[in-house]
Amino acid sequence: MRITSKGQVTIPQAIRERCGFTPHTEVEFVEDNGRVMLQRVSVTPSRGTAAVERLRRARLRTRLSTDELLALTRGEEP
């Protein structure tokens, strides 16, 4: 494998799949004694992203309609 003039390399598909490197995965390069390793960056989700994920999970657990949920947010009885 060669490094391109832009400093890019392609990670072979089998390695990407084994390591779970999907598109948009944040990674970093770590140098250790002349070796360079690629590892996933542990990204802490923003408060907004975390809230959306909680709402998505909650949606699966409720049987309320959209109108009923909106009524609850307005303080009305469904």
Protein backbone atom coordinates (compact mmCIF):
# COMPACT_ATOMS: atom_id res chain seq x y z
CA MET A 1 0.00 0.00 0.00
CA ARG A 2 1.23 3.49 -0.77
CA ILE A 3 0.55 6.85 0.79
CA THR A 4 -0.89 9.28 -1.75
CA SER A 5 0.58 12.71 -2.45
CA LYS A 6 -2.11 14.08 -0.10
CA GLY A 7 -0.97 11.76 2.72
CA GLN A 8 -3.95 9.42 2.39
CA VAL A 9 -4.18 5.64 2.63
CA THR A 10 -7.12 3.29 2.25
CA ILE A 11 -7.94 1.03 5.18
CA PRO A 12 -8.79 -2.39 3.72
CA GLN A 13 -12.48 -3.27 4.01
CA ALA A 14 -11.89 -6.43 6.05
CA ILE A 15 -9.98 -4.41 8.68
CA ARG A 16 -12.62 -1.66 8.72
CA GLU A 17 -15.34 -4.24 9.28
CA ARG A 18 -13.41 -6.11 11.98
CA CYS A 19 -12.67 -2.88 13.85
CA GLY A 20 -16.12 -1.36 13.33
CA PHE A 21 -14.81 1.65 11.43
CA THR A 22 -17.94 2.87 9.68
CA PRO A 23 -18.23 6.12 7.72
CA HIS A 24 -17.80 9.19 9.97
CA THR A 25 -16.04 7.20 12.72
CA GLU A 26 -13.66 9.51 14.57
CA VAL A 27 -10.15 8.05 14.74
CA GLU A 28 -6.72 9.18 15.88
CA PHE A 29 -3.17 8.14 15.11
CA VAL A 30 -1.00 7.06 18.03
CA GLU A 31 2.76 6.75 17.69
CA ASP A 32 4.49 4.17 19.88
CA ASN A 33 8.16 3.36 19.53
CA GLY A 34 8.31 3.96 15.79
CA ARG A 35 4.94 2.28 15.14
CA VAL A 36 1.81 4.15 14.16
CA MET A 37 -1.55 2.81 15.31
CA LEU A 38 -5.04 3.90 14.37
CA GLN A 39 -7.67 3.85 17.10
CA ARG A 40 -11.23 4.98 17.52
CA VAL A 41 -11.73 8.22 19.44
CA SER A 42 -14.25 7.94 22.24
CA VAL A 43 -16.62 10.78 21.46
CA THR A 44 -18.93 12.00 24.20
CA PRO A 45 -22.26 12.89 22.61
CA SER A 46 -23.46 16.47 22.98
CA ARG A 47 -26.39 17.15 25.30
CA GLY A 48 -28.63 17.65 22.28
CA THR A 49 -27.59 14.38 20.65
CA ALA A 50 -28.09 12.52 23.92
CA ALA A 51 -31.57 14.05 24.35
CA VAL A 52 -32.60 13.05 20.83
CA GLU A 53 -31.41 9.49 21.44
CA ARG A 54 -33.42 9.31 24.68
CA LEU A 55 -36.50 10.56 22.84
CA ARG A 56 -36.04 8.00 20.09
CA ARG A 57 -35.85 5.19 22.64
CA ALA A 58 -38.84 6.55 24.55
CA ARG A 59 -40.94 6.64 21.40
CA LEU A 60 -40.60 2.88 21.12
CA ARG A 61 -41.95 2.37 24.64
CA THR A 62 -45.08 4.53 24.45
CA ARG A 63 -48.41 3.91 22.79
CA LEU A 64 -49.43 7.57 22.83
CA SER A 65 -50.20 9.28 19.54
CA THR A 66 -48.45 12.45 18.45
CA ASP A 67 -51.53 14.50 19.39
CA GLU A 68 -51.58 12.92 22.86
CA LEU A 69 -47.88 13.64 23.37
CA LEU A 70 -48.34 17.27 22.28
CA ALA A 71 -51.28 17.60 24.69
CA LEU A 72 -49.00 16.39 27.50
CA THR A 73 -46.36 18.98 26.61
CA ARG A 74 -49.04 21.68 26.84
CA GLY A 75 -50.19 20.42 30.24
CA GLU A 76 -53.49 19.10 28.85
CA GLU A 77 -54.96 15.70 29.61
CA PRO A 78 -54.75 13.34 26.61
